[in-house]
PDB file of N, CA and C in Angstrom:
ATOM      1  N   MET A   1      69.271 163.012 -61.909  1.00  0.00           N
ATOM      2  CA  MET A   1      68.200 162.683 -61.027  1.00  0.00           C
ATOM      3  C   MET A   1      66.899 163.337 -61.273  1.00  0.00           C
ATOM      4  N   TYR A   2      65.693 162.741 -61.297  1.00  0.00           N
ATOM      5  CA  TYR A   2      64.562 163.093 -61.737  1.00  0.00           C
ATOM      6  C   TYR A   2      64.064 163.741 -60.706  1.00  0.00           C
ATOM      7  N   SER A   3      63.416 164.946 -61.062  1.00  0.00           N
ATOM      8  CA  SER A   3      62.728 165.928 -60.016  1.00  0.00           C
ATOM      9  C   SER A   3      61.522 166.452 -60.684  1.00  0.00           C
ATOM     10  N   LEU A   4      60.516 166.458 -59.787  1.00  0.00           N
ATOM     11  CA  LEU A   4      59.248 166.923 -60.142  1.00  0.00           C
ATOM     12  C   LEU A   4      59.233 168.545 -60.174  1.00  0.00           C
ATOM     13  N   TYR A   5      60.201 169.011 -59.600  1.00  0.00           N
ATOM     14  CA  TYR A   5      60.343 170.554 -59.338  1.00  0.00           C
ATOM     15  C   TYR A   5      60.527 171.149 -60.779  1.00  0.00           C
ATOM     16  N   GLY A   6      61.284 170.273 -61.643  1.00  0.00           N
ATOM     17  CA  GLY A   6      61.488 170.632 -62.899  1.00  0.00           C
ATOM     18  C   GLY A   6      60.253 170.971 -63.871  1.00  0.00           C
ATOM     19  N   LYS A   7      59.131 170.245 -63.529  1.00  0.00           N
ATOM     20  CA  LYS A   7      58.095 170.503 -64.032  1.00  0.00           C
ATOM     21  C   LYS A   7      56.946 171.754 -63.493  1.00  0.00           C
ATOM     22  N   LEU A   8      57.519 172.209 -62.585  1.00  0.00           N
ATOM     23  CA  LEU A   8      56.798 173.309 -61.922  1.00  0.00           C
ATOM     24  C   LEU A   8      56.047 174.252 -62.773  1.00  0.00           C
ATOM     25  N   PHE A   9      57.082 174.753 -63.623  1.00  0.00           N
ATOM     26  CA  PHE A   9      56.703 175.722 -64.649  1.00  0.00           C
ATOM     27  C   PHE A   9      56.283 175.094 -66.113  1.00  0.00           C
ATOM     28  N   LYS A  10      56.292 174.013 -66.206  1.00  0.00           N
ATOM     29  CA  LYS A  10      55.934 173.233 -67.623  1.00  0.00           C
ATOM     30  C   LYS A  10      54.519 173.654 -68.202  1.00  0.00           C
ATOM     31  N   TYR A  11      53.568 173.536 -67.153  1.00  0.00           N
ATOM     32  CA  TYR A  11      51.976 173.817 -67.613  1.00  0.00           C
ATOM     33  C   TYR A  11      51.695 175.243 -67.862  1.00  0.00           C
ATOM     34  N   ARG A  12      50.997 175.280 -68.722  1.00  0.00           N
ATOM     35  CA  ARG A  12      50.389 176.810 -69.294  1.00  0.00           C
ATOM     36  C   ARG A  12      48.956 176.768 -68.724  1.00  0.00           C
ATOM     37  N   GLU A  13      48.443 178.261 -68.425  1.00  0.00           N
ATOM     38  CA  GLU A  13      47.203 178.329 -67.841  1.00  0.00           C
ATOM     39  C   GLU A  13      46.316 177.861 -69.161  1.00  0.00           C
ATOM     40  N   ARG A  14      45.135 177.308 -68.516  1.00  0.00           N
ATOM     41  CA  ARG A  14      44.082 177.144 -69.454  1.00  0.00           C
ATOM     42  C   ARG A  14      42.505 177.406 -68.788  1.00  0.00           C
ATOM     43  N   GLU A  15      41.761 177.497 -69.677  1.00  0.00           N
ATOM     44  CA  GLU A  15      40.527 178.111 -69.321  1.00  0.00           C
ATOM     45  C   GLU A  15      39.863 177.289 -68.054  1.00  0.00           C
ATOM     46  N   GLN A  16      40.100 176.067 -68.150  1.00  0.00           N
ATOM     47  CA  GLN A  16      39.513 174.970 -67.297  1.00  0.00           C
ATOM     48  C   GLN A  16      40.385 174.504 -66.181  1.00  0.00           C
ATOM     49  N   ARG A  17      41.595 174.932 -66.144  1.00  0.00           N
ATOM     50  CA  ARG A  17      42.507 174.117 -65.135  1.00  0.00           C
ATOM     51  C   ARG A  17      43.816 175.346 -64.999  1.00  0.00           C
ATOM     52  N   SER A  18      44.090 175.314 -63.721  1.00  0.00           N
ATOM     53  CA  SER A  18      45.419 176.251 -63.697  1.00  0.00           C
ATOM     54  C   SER A  18      46.614 175.286 -63.614  1.00  0.00           C
ATOM     55  N   PRO A  19      47.832 175.832 -64.172  1.00  0.00           N
ATOM     56  CA  PRO A  19      49.167 175.366 -64.046  1.00  0.00           C
ATOM     57  C   PRO A  19      49.284 174.388 -62.500  1.00  0.00           C
ATOM     58  N   LEU A  20      48.804 175.094 -61.386  1.00  0.00           N
ATOM     59  CA  LEU A  20      49.077 174.325 -60.241  1.00  0.00           C
ATOM     60  C   LEU A  20      48.238 173.240 -60.164  1.00  0.00           C
ATOM     61  N   GLU A  21      47.152 173.237 -60.634  1.00  0.00           N
ATOM     62  CA  GLU A  21      46.234 171.794 -60.690  1.00  0.00           C
ATOM     63  C   GLU A  21      47.036 170.826 -61.351  1.00  0.00           C
ATOM     64  N   ASP A  22      47.468 170.950 -62.636  1.00  0.00           N
ATOM     65  CA  ASP A  22      48.255 170.034 -63.379  1.00  0.00           C
ATOM     66  C   ASP A  22      49.502 169.536 -62.578  1.00  0.00           C
ATOM     67  N   TYR A  23      50.231 170.558 -62.031  1.00  0.00           N
ATOM     68  CA  TYR A  23      51.406 170.149 -61.312  1.00  0.00           C
ATOM     69  C   TYR A  23      51.185 169.284 -60.126  1.00  0.00           C
ATOM     70  N   LEU A  24      49.908 169.577 -59.354  1.00  0.00           N
ATOM     71  CA  LEU A  24      49.615 168.789 -58.159  1.00  0.00           C
ATOM     72  C   LEU A  24      49.125 167.368 -58.550  1.00  0.00           C
ATOM     73  N   THR A  25      48.651 167.197 -59.572  1.00  0.00           N
ATOM     74  CA  THR A  25      48.089 166.036 -60.367  1.00  0.00           C
ATOM     75  C   THR A  25      49.327 165.172 -60.566  1.00  0.00           C
ATOM     76  N   GLU A  26      50.094 165.802 -61.188  1.00  0.00           N
ATOM     77  CA  GLU A  26      51.583 165.009 -61.720  1.00  0.00           C
ATOM     78  C   GLU A  26      52.175 164.594 -60.158  1.00  0.00           C
ATOM     79  N   CYS A  27      52.239 165.435 -59.251  1.00  0.00           N
ATOM     80  CA  CYS A  27      52.841 165.046 -57.968  1.00  0.00           C
ATOM     81  C   CYS A  27      52.217 163.974 -57.413  1.00  0.00           C
ATOM     82  N   LEU A  28      50.685 163.902 -57.425  1.00  0.00           N
ATOM     83  CA  LEU A  28      50.042 162.759 -56.630  1.00  0.00           C
ATOM     84  C   LEU A  28      50.230 161.404 -57.423  1.00  0.00           C
ATOM     85  N   ALA A  29      50.504 161.486 -58.776  1.00  0.00           N
ATOM     86  CA  ALA A  29      50.664 160.237 -59.574  1.00  0.00           C
ATOM     87  C   ALA A  29      52.158 159.795 -59.251  1.00  0.00           C
ATOM     88  N   ASP A  30      53.169 160.761 -59.107  1.00  0.00           N
ATOM     89  CA  ASP A  30      54.340 160.429 -58.833  1.00  0.00           C
ATOM     90  C   ASP A  30      54.725 159.695 -57.527  1.00  0.00           C
ATOM     91  N   LEU A  31      53.971 160.307 -56.516  1.00  0.00           N
ATOM     92  CA  LEU A  31      54.110 159.863 -55.034  1.00  0.00           C
ATOM     93  C   LEU A  31      53.261 158.456 -54.935  1.00  0.00           C
ATOM     94  N   PHE A  32      52.228 158.348 -55.701  1.00  0.00           N
ATOM     95  CA  PHE A  32      51.507 156.955 -55.643  1.00  0.00           C
ATOM     96  C   PHE A  32      52.499 156.016 -56.233  1.00  0.00           C
ATOM     97  N   ASN A  33      52.935 156.134 -57.540  1.00  0.00           N
ATOM     98  CA  ASN A  33      53.750 155.167 -58.276  1.00  0.00           C
ATOM     99  C   ASN A  33      55.023 154.835 -57.305  1.00  0.00           C
ATOM    100  N   ARG A  34      55.363 155.484 -56.376  1.00  0.00           N
ATOM    101  CA  ARG A  34      56.583 155.260 -55.685  1.00  0.00           C
ATOM    102  C   ARG A  34      56.187 154.266 -54.283  1.00  0.00           C
ATOM    103  N   LEU A  35      54.904 154.183 -53.976  1.00  0.00           N
ATOM    104  CA  LEU A  35      54.603 153.520 -53.023  1.00  0.00           C
ATOM    105  C   LEU A  35      54.712 151.956 -53.261  1.00  0.00           C
ATOM    106  N   ASP A  36      54.761 151.104 -52.093  1.00  0.00           N
ATOM    107  CA  ASP A  36      54.827 149.637 -52.419  1.00  0.00           C
ATOM    108  C   ASP A  36      53.128 149.227 -52.751  1.00  0.00           C
ATOM    109  N   LEU A  37      53.240 148.067 -53.249  1.00  0.00           N
ATOM    110  CA  LEU A  37      51.974 147.452 -53.757  1.00  0.00           C
ATOM    111  C   LEU A  37      50.871 147.512 -52.676  1.00  0.00           C
ATOM    112  N   THR A  38      51.292 147.014 -51.426  1.00  0.00           N
ATOM    113  CA  THR A  38      50.215 147.132 -50.366  1.00  0.00           C
ATOM    114  C   THR A  38      49.768 148.595 -50.146  1.00  0.00           C
ATOM    115  N   ALA A  39      50.631 149.529 -50.032  1.00  0.00           N
ATOM    116  CA  ALA A  39      50.207 150.830 -49.789  1.00  0.00           C
ATOM    117  C   ALA A  39      49.292 151.624 -50.880  1.00  0.00           C
ATOM    118  N   GLN A  40      49.927 151.149 -52.196  1.00  0.00           N
ATOM    119  CA  GLN A  40      48.827 151.572 -53.420  1.00  0.00           C
ATOM    120  C   GLN A  40      47.430 150.883 -53.208  1.00  0.00           C
ATOM    121  N   ALA A  41      47.394 149.843 -52.973  1.00  0.00           N
ATOM    122  CA  ALA A  41      45.825 149.107 -52.788  1.00  0.00           C
ATOM    123  C   ALA A  41      45.113 149.845 -51.650  1.00  0.00           C
ATOM    124  N   SER A  42      45.874 150.061 -50.623  1.00  0.00           N
ATOM    125  CA  SER A  42      45.174 150.366 -49.350  1.00  0.00           C
ATOM    126  C   SER A  42      44.692 152.100 -49.731  1.00  0.00           C
ATOM    127  N   PHE A  43      45.673 152.769 -50.355  1.00  0.00           N
ATOM    128  CA  PHE A  43      45.318 154.148 -50.702  1.00  0.00           C
ATOM    129  C   PHE A  43      44.119 154.221 -51.827  1.00  0.00           C
ATOM    130  N   THR A  44      44.138 153.316 -52.745  1.00  0.00           N
ATOM    131  CA  THR A  44      43.076 153.206 -53.946  1.00  0.00           C
ATOM    132  C   THR A  44      41.891 152.864 -53.303  1.00  0.00           C
ATOM    133  N   SER A  45      41.896 151.806 -52.277  1.00  0.00           N
ATOM    134  CA  SER A  45      40.678 151.348 -51.581  1.00  0.00           C
ATOM    135  C   SER A  45      40.112 152.593 -50.805  1.00  0.00           C
ATOM    136  N   ARG A  46      40.865 153.320 -50.099  1.00  0.00           N
ATOM    137  CA  ARG A  46      40.297 154.313 -49.228  1.00  0.00           C
ATOM    138  C   ARG A  46      39.933 155.724 -49.863  1.00  0.00           C
ATOM    139  N   ILE A  47      40.490 155.974 -50.938  1.00  0.00           N
ATOM    140  CA  ILE A  47      40.235 157.070 -51.674  1.00  0.00           C
ATOM    141  C   ILE A  47      39.161 156.941 -53.002  1.00  0.00           C
ATOM    142  N   PHE A  48      39.281 155.907 -53.550  1.00  0.00           N
ATOM    143  CA  PHE A  48      38.528 155.929 -54.854  1.00  0.00           C
ATOM    144  C   PHE A  48      37.447 154.894 -54.850  1.00  0.00           C
ATOM    145  N   ILE A  49      37.466 154.057 -53.772  1.00  0.00           N
ATOM    146  CA  ILE A  49      36.416 152.831 -53.892  1.00  0.00           C
ATOM    147  C   ILE A  49      35.201 153.183 -52.902  1.00  0.00           C
ATOM    148  N   PRO A  50      34.037 152.958 -53.221  1.00  0.00           N
ATOM    149  CA  PRO A  50      32.958 153.310 -52.263  1.00  0.00           C
ATOM    150  C   PRO A  50      32.753 152.268 -51.229  1.00  0.00           C
ATOM    151  N   MET A  51      32.461 152.569 -50.133  1.00  0.00           N
ATOM    152  CA  MET A  51      32.391 151.603 -48.925  1.00  0.00           C
ATOM    153  C   MET A  51      31.752 150.158 -49.360  1.00  0.00           C
ATOM    154  N   SER A  52      30.607 150.515 -50.216  1.00  0.00           N
ATOM    155  CA  SER A  52      29.820 149.231 -50.698  1.00  0.00           C
ATOM    156  C   SER A  52      30.636 148.229 -51.498  1.00  0.00           C
ATOM    157  N   LEU A  53      31.695 148.864 -51.993  1.00  0.00           N
ATOM    158  CA  LEU A  53      32.513 147.961 -53.056  1.00  0.00           C
ATOM    159  C   LEU A  53      33.916 147.562 -52.310  1.00  0.00           C
ATOM    160  N   GLN A  54      34.235 147.889 -51.193  1.00  0.00           N
ATOM    161  CA  GLN A  54      35.589 147.624 -50.619  1.00  0.00           C
ATOM    162  C   GLN A  54      35.834 146.230 -50.749  1.00  0.00           C
ATOM    163  N   GLY A  55      34.824 145.243 -50.152  1.00  0.00           N
ATOM    164  CA  GLY A  55      35.100 143.784 -49.967  1.00  0.00           C
ATOM    165  C   GLY A  55      35.467 143.427 -51.574  1.00  0.00           C
ATOM    166  N   TRP A  56      34.802 143.795 -52.570  1.00  0.00           N
ATOM    167  CA  TRP A  56      34.970 143.396 -53.752  1.00  0.00           C
ATOM    168  C   TRP A  56      36.289 143.781 -54.169  1.00  0.00           C
ATOM    169  N   PHE A  57      36.592 145.021 -53.944  1.00  0.00           N
ATOM    170  CA  PHE A  57      37.848 145.353 -54.551  1.00  0.00           C
ATOM    171  C   PHE A  57      39.162 144.949 -53.846  1.00  0.00           C
ATOM    172  N   GLU A  58      39.071 144.521 -52.469  1.00  0.00           N
ATOM    173  CA  GLU A  58      40.050 143.839 -51.936  1.00  0.00           C
ATOM    174  C   GLU A  58      40.393 142.339 -52.576  1.00  0.00           C
ATOM    175  N   GLU A  59      39.014 141.743 -52.859  1.00  0.00           N
ATOM    176  CA  GLU A  59      39.300 140.306 -53.338  1.00  0.00           C
ATOM    177  C   GLU A  59      39.936 140.400 -54.770  1.00  0.00           C
ATOM    178  N   ARG A  60      39.597 141.470 -55.586  1.00  0.00           N
ATOM    179  CA  ARG A  60      40.142 141.645 -56.943  1.00  0.00           C
ATOM    180  C   ARG A  60      41.741 141.992 -56.580  1.00  0.00           C
ATOM    181  N   SER A  61      41.925 143.088 -55.823  1.00  0.00           N
ATOM    182  CA  SER A  61      43.253 143.481 -55.747  1.00  0.00           C
ATOM    183  C   SER A  61      44.294 142.664 -55.304  1.00  0.00           C
ATOM    184  N   ALA A  62      43.736 141.338 -54.516  1.00  0.00           N
ATOM    185  CA  ALA A  62      44.699 140.539 -53.695  1.00  0.00           C
ATOM    186  C   ALA A  62      45.679 139.778 -54.744  1.00  0.00           C
ATOM    187  N   SER A  63      44.925 139.776 -56.059  1.00  0.00           N
ATOM    188  CA  SER A  63      45.822 138.965 -57.189  1.00  0.00           C
ATOM    189  C   SER A  63      46.548 139.771 -58.099  1.00  0.00           C
ATOM    190  N   THR A  64      46.453 141.298 -57.831  1.00  0.00           N
ATOM    191  CA  THR A  64      46.921 142.377 -58.654  1.00  0.00           C
ATOM    192  C   THR A  64      48.350 142.295 -58.499  1.00  0.00           C
ATOM    193  N   LYS A  65      49.150 142.551 -59.489  1.00  0.00           N
ATOM    194  CA  LYS A  65      50.621 142.406 -59.501  1.00  0.00           C
ATOM    195  C   LYS A  65      51.230 143.985 -59.352  1.00  0.00           C
ATOM    196  N   SER A  66      50.463 144.952 -59.998  1.00  0.00           N
ATOM    197  CA  SER A  66      50.838 146.223 -59.908  1.00  0.00           C
ATOM    198  C   SER A  66      49.620 147.309 -60.093  1.00  0.00           C
ATOM    199  N   PHE A  67      49.947 148.449 -59.549  1.00  0.00           N
ATOM    200  CA  PHE A  67      48.776 149.385 -59.739  1.00  0.00           C
ATOM    201  C   PHE A  67      49.696 150.686 -60.409  1.00  0.00           C
ATOM    202  N   ARG A  68      49.295 151.403 -61.143  1.00  0.00           N
ATOM    203  CA  ARG A  68      49.855 152.553 -61.763  1.00  0.00           C
ATOM    204  C   ARG A  68      48.958 153.760 -61.975  1.00  0.00           C
ATOM    205  N   MET A  69      49.336 155.065 -61.658  1.00  0.00           N
ATOM    206  CA  MET A  69      48.560 155.937 -61.793  1.00  0.00           C
ATOM    207  C   MET A  69      49.263 156.941 -62.776  1.00  0.00           C
ATOM    208  N   GLU A  70      48.426 157.376 -63.930  1.00  0.00           N
ATOM    209  CA  GLU A  70      49.033 158.295 -64.776  1.00  0.00           C
ATOM    210  C   GLU A  70      48.181 159.305 -65.136  1.00  0.00           C
ATOM    211  N   THR A  71      48.750 160.438 -65.427  1.00  0.00           N
ATOM    212  CA  THR A  71      48.088 161.610 -65.826  1.00  0.00           C
ATOM    213  C   THR A  71      47.854 162.055 -67.180  1.00  0.00           C
TER     214      THR A  71
END
């Protein structure tokens, strides 16, 4: 069974990012990809799309068949 905990110590310290930042980014992507399509669209709209473009995004995402977050 796949577990994100196995990646906890995978990342090395970098000048611009900590291993914790890389790990948490992987966790966010994993959780997002496990959501159903409606929840993914809602999350994307609320977190990443400015209020002025919400209507435009909802029109476009209505015909979208999948969302995917990658790191």
